[in-house]
Amino acid sequence: MGQYLSKWNFQPFLVEDFEHIDQIALKKNPHIILLDINLPGNDGFYWCSKLRQLSDVPIIFISSRSQSMDIVIAMNMGGDDYIQKPFSLEVLVAKMNAVLRRSNSIQNVEKDLLTVGELTLNLQNSFLEYRDKKASLTKNEFQILFLLMKKAGQIISRDEIMRALWEDEQFIDDNTLTVNVNRLRKKLEEIGIKDAITTKKRQGYLLQ
């Protein structure tokens, strides 16, 4: 796989020390991480959680495990996408490029802050602020909230959110969007904002 990715102008680095993945990631400062669940010692869920404490680098899980709960846990740990083995290398590259594009689009936003009422989204560091409390968002959570805040009071369809996140629905597991919205709701509640995101059945989501 490393040779194939090199042909697409990636510079892959294979981790062989499975006891210090977080420290290696800090040292190498990668643009994206491909992470299996089944690893020697601690599993991929553990390392994703550790990495999320240190960095917001995009993480794509690659695993032979196909249970819905594995996917849910991966996304809850902070994963940006999930690919089941066996997979097409072309699909992998497409997903990697999509994740990197939305990562870059977040970094290239011109304005610093987006505000709706007392809710403020810092577009430079992905922090959400409400009164005197803050919450850090993953890239997926950021993109969802960014879209909802830009169109506050309007119903945003699931398809529109998916296009903003992944740009091409054919690579999407619909459950992934639900997981990310629920995770975003939880973070909003943790800083004191309840029922901010309303689900409109068969229509989409609304930020009130």
Protein backbone atom coordinates (compact mmCIF):
# COMPACT_ATOMS: atom_id res chain seq x y z
CA MET A 1 0.00 0.00 0.00
CA GLY A 2 2.88 2.34 0.76
CA GLN A 3 4.22 2.03 -2.78
CA TYR A 4 0.77 2.73 -4.23
CA LEU A 5 0.33 5.85 -2.08
CA SER A 6 3.76 7.07 -3.14
CA LYS A 7 2.57 7.02 -6.74
CA TRP A 8 -0.13 9.50 -5.72
CA ASN A 9 2.50 11.88 -4.30
CA PHE A 10 1.95 10.86 -0.68
CA GLN A 11 5.00 10.24 1.51
CA PRO A 12 3.86 7.35 3.73
CA PHE A 13 5.62 6.54 6.99
CA LEU A 14 5.05 3.07 8.49
CA VAL A 15 4.95 2.93 12.29
CA GLU A 16 6.68 -0.12 13.74
CA ASP A 17 6.84 0.97 17.39
CA PHE A 18 3.30 0.34 18.62
CA GLU A 19 4.02 1.51 22.16
CA HIS A 20 4.69 5.15 21.31
CA ILE A 21 2.35 5.96 18.41
CA ASP A 22 1.34 9.30 19.92
CA GLN A 23 4.93 10.46 20.36
CA ILE A 24 5.84 9.35 16.84
CA ALA A 25 2.89 11.31 15.46
CA LEU A 26 4.02 14.43 17.33
CA LYS A 27 7.54 14.06 15.95
CA LYS A 28 6.52 13.30 12.34
CA ASN A 29 3.62 15.80 12.28
CA PRO A 30 1.69 13.93 9.54
CA HIS A 31 -1.04 15.50 7.40
CA ILE A 32 -3.24 12.40 7.80
CA ILE A 33 -3.13 9.11 9.77
CA LEU A 34 -4.38 5.69 8.62
CA LEU A 35 -5.14 3.63 11.72
CA ASP A 36 -6.12 -0.03 12.13
CA ILE A 37 -8.17 -1.15 15.13
CA ASN A 38 -6.34 -4.43 15.74
CA LEU A 39 -2.82 -3.48 16.82
CA PRO A 40 -0.23 -5.10 19.10
CA GLY A 41 -0.81 -3.91 22.67
CA ASN A 42 -3.36 -1.09 22.80
CA ASP A 43 -5.93 -1.04 20.00
CA GLY A 44 -6.65 1.70 17.47
CA PHE A 45 -9.51 3.13 19.55
CA TYR A 46 -7.07 3.80 22.39
CA TRP A 47 -4.52 5.47 20.11
CA CYS A 48 -7.12 7.59 18.37
CA SER A 49 -8.26 8.91 21.75
CA LYS A 50 -4.64 9.63 22.73
CA LEU A 51 -3.93 11.38 19.43
CA ARG A 52 -7.06 13.52 19.79
CA GLN A 53 -5.67 14.87 23.07
CA LEU A 54 -2.59 16.09 21.22
CA SER A 55 -3.68 16.97 17.69
CA ASP A 56 -6.61 17.43 15.30
CA VAL A 57 -4.77 15.61 12.48
CA PRO A 58 -7.31 13.77 10.26
CA ILE A 59 -7.60 10.06 11.15
CA ILE A 60 -9.05 7.38 8.87
CA PHE A 61 -9.70 3.97 10.41
CA ILE A 62 -8.96 0.95 8.20
CA SER A 63 -10.18 -2.36 9.62
CA SER A 64 -11.60 -5.77 8.79
CA ARG A 65 -14.09 -5.30 11.64
CA SER A 66 -17.50 -4.60 10.15
CA GLN A 67 -19.81 -4.32 13.18
CA SER A 68 -21.77 -1.07 13.34
CA MET A 69 -20.58 -0.56 16.92
CA ASP A 70 -16.94 -0.62 15.79
CA ILE A 71 -17.70 2.20 13.36
CA VAL A 72 -19.62 4.16 16.00
CA ILE A 73 -16.78 3.81 18.52
CA ALA A 74 -14.21 4.84 15.91
CA MET A 75 -16.12 8.02 15.12
CA ASN A 76 -16.78 8.76 18.79
CA MET A 77 -13.07 8.45 19.51
CA GLY A 78 -12.46 11.22 16.96
CA GLY A 79 -12.03 9.36 13.68
CA ASP A 80 -12.81 11.28 10.49
CA ASP A 81 -13.73 8.26 8.35
CA TYR A 82 -13.85 4.46 8.39
CA ILE A 83 -12.91 2.00 5.62
CA GLN A 84 -13.63 -1.72 5.83
CA LYS A 85 -11.20 -4.34 4.55
CA PRO A 86 -10.99 -5.48 1.83
CA PHE A 87 -11.08 -2.13 0.08
CA SER A 88 -10.15 -0.54 -3.21
CA LEU A 89 -6.95 1.51 -3.14
CA GLU A 90 -8.65 4.01 -5.44
CA VAL A 91 -11.41 4.50 -2.85
CA LEU A 92 -8.80 4.90 -0.11
CA VAL A 93 -7.02 7.65 -2.07
CA ALA A 94 -10.35 9.36 -2.81
CA LYS A 95 -11.27 9.34 0.88
CA MET A 96 -7.83 10.59 1.90
CA ASN A 97 -8.02 13.46 -0.58
CA ALA A 98 -11.56 14.36 0.53
CA VAL A 99 -10.53 14.45 4.20
CA LEU A 100 -7.46 16.55 3.37
CA ARG A 101 -9.49 18.96 1.22
CA ARG A 102 -11.97 19.70 3.97
CA SER A 103 -9.12 19.98 6.46
CA ASN A 104 -7.46 22.59 4.25
CA SER A 105 -10.76 24.39 3.64
CA ILE A 106 -11.19 24.82 7.38
CA GLN A 107 -7.66 26.20 7.74
CA ASN A 108 -8.16 28.62 4.84
CA VAL A 109 -11.34 30.30 6.12
CA GLU A 110 -10.74 34.05 6.05
CA LYS A 111 -12.82 35.26 9.00
CA ASP A 112 -11.83 34.40 12.53
CA LEU A 113 -15.23 34.10 14.21
CA LEU A 114 -18.78 33.08 13.34
CA THR A 115 -21.42 34.14 15.87
CA VAL A 116 -25.08 33.26 16.30
CA GLY A 117 -26.62 34.77 19.43
CA GLU A 118 -24.26 33.95 22.30
CA LEU A 119 -22.74 31.03 20.42
CA THR A 120 -19.36 31.72 18.81
CA LEU A 121 -17.34 29.41 16.56
CA ASN A 122 -13.64 30.19 16.27
CA LEU A 123 -12.75 29.37 12.67
CA GLN A 124 -9.02 29.32 13.29
CA ASN A 125 -8.79 26.75 16.08
CA SER A 126 -12.22 24.97 15.88
CA PHE A 127 -13.20 26.03 19.39
CA LEU A 128 -16.83 26.58 20.27
CA GLU A 129 -17.57 29.26 22.87
CA TYR A 130 -20.76 29.92 24.82
CA ARG A 131 -20.69 32.52 27.56
CA ASP A 132 -17.68 31.50 29.67
CA LYS A 133 -17.38 27.89 28.45
CA LYS A 134 -15.45 26.36 25.57
CA ALA A 135 -15.45 23.06 23.68
CA SER A 136 -12.99 21.72 21.12
CA LEU A 137 -14.51 20.27 17.94
CA THR A 138 -13.23 17.65 15.53
CA LYS A 139 -13.09 18.63 11.85
CA ASN A 140 -16.36 16.85 11.09
CA GLU A 141 -18.13 18.48 14.02
CA PHE A 142 -16.72 21.84 13.00
CA GLN A 143 -17.93 21.51 9.40
CA ILE A 144 -21.43 20.49 10.50
CA LEU A 145 -21.77 23.34 13.00
CA PHE A 146 -20.19 25.83 10.58
CA LEU A 147 -22.84 25.01 7.98
CA LEU A 148 -25.69 25.10 10.50
CA MET A 149 -24.52 28.44 11.93
CA LYS A 150 -24.07 30.01 8.50
CA LYS A 151 -27.68 29.11 7.75
CA ALA A 152 -29.10 29.43 11.27
CA GLY A 153 -32.87 29.12 11.29
CA GLN A 154 -32.90 27.21 8.00
CA ILE A 155 -33.33 23.46 7.54
CA ILE A 156 -30.14 21.92 6.14
CA SER A 157 -30.66 18.59 4.42
CA ARG A 158 -28.54 15.55 5.28
CA ASP A 159 -27.39 15.42 1.65
CA GLU A 160 -26.13 19.00 1.81
CA ILE A 161 -24.19 18.30 4.98
CA MET A 162 -22.75 15.12 3.46
CA ARG A 163 -21.60 17.03 0.40
CA ALA A 164 -19.91 19.59 2.61
CA LEU A 165 -18.18 16.86 4.60
CA TRP A 166 -17.25 14.29 2.01
CA GLU A 167 -18.03 15.96 -1.36
CA ASP A 168 -19.24 12.68 -2.86
CA GLU A 169 -22.07 10.70 -1.25
CA GLN A 170 -21.09 7.41 -2.89
CA PHE A 171 -18.29 7.07 -0.32
CA ILE A 172 -20.57 7.75 2.66
CA ASP A 173 -21.89 5.55 5.42
CA ASP A 174 -25.09 7.35 6.42
CA ASN A 175 -24.62 6.32 10.04
CA THR A 176 -21.43 8.40 10.17
CA LEU A 177 -23.37 11.65 9.83
CA THR A 178 -25.78 10.64 12.60
CA VAL A 179 -22.87 9.79 14.90
CA ASN A 180 -21.19 13.14 14.26
CA VAL A 181 -24.39 15.15 14.81
CA ASN A 182 -25.07 13.30 18.09
CA ARG A 183 -21.49 13.89 19.20
CA LEU A 184 -21.86 17.60 18.38
CA ARG A 185 -25.13 17.78 20.33
CA LYS A 186 -23.39 16.28 23.35
CA LYS A 187 -20.62 18.88 23.23
CA LEU A 188 -23.18 21.67 22.95
CA GLU A 189 -25.00 20.31 26.00
CA GLU A 190 -21.74 20.08 27.95
CA ILE A 191 -21.25 23.84 27.64
CA GLY A 192 -24.87 24.61 28.52
CA ILE A 193 -26.70 24.64 25.17
CA LYS A 194 -29.56 22.15 25.11
CA ASP A 195 -31.73 21.28 22.10
CA ALA A 196 -29.82 23.66 19.83
CA ILE A 197 -29.92 21.25 16.88
CA THR A 198 -33.38 20.05 15.89
CA THR A 199 -33.95 17.04 13.66
CA LYS A 200 -36.61 17.63 11.00
CA LYS A 201 -37.85 14.20 9.96
CA ARG A 202 -37.14 13.42 6.28
CA GLN A 203 -35.78 16.97 5.86
CA GLY A 204 -32.55 17.46 7.79
CA TYR A 205 -31.29 19.55 10.71
CA LEU A 206 -31.99 23.02 12.02
CA LEU A 207 -29.95 25.24 14.36
CA GLN A 208 -32.33 27.34 16.44
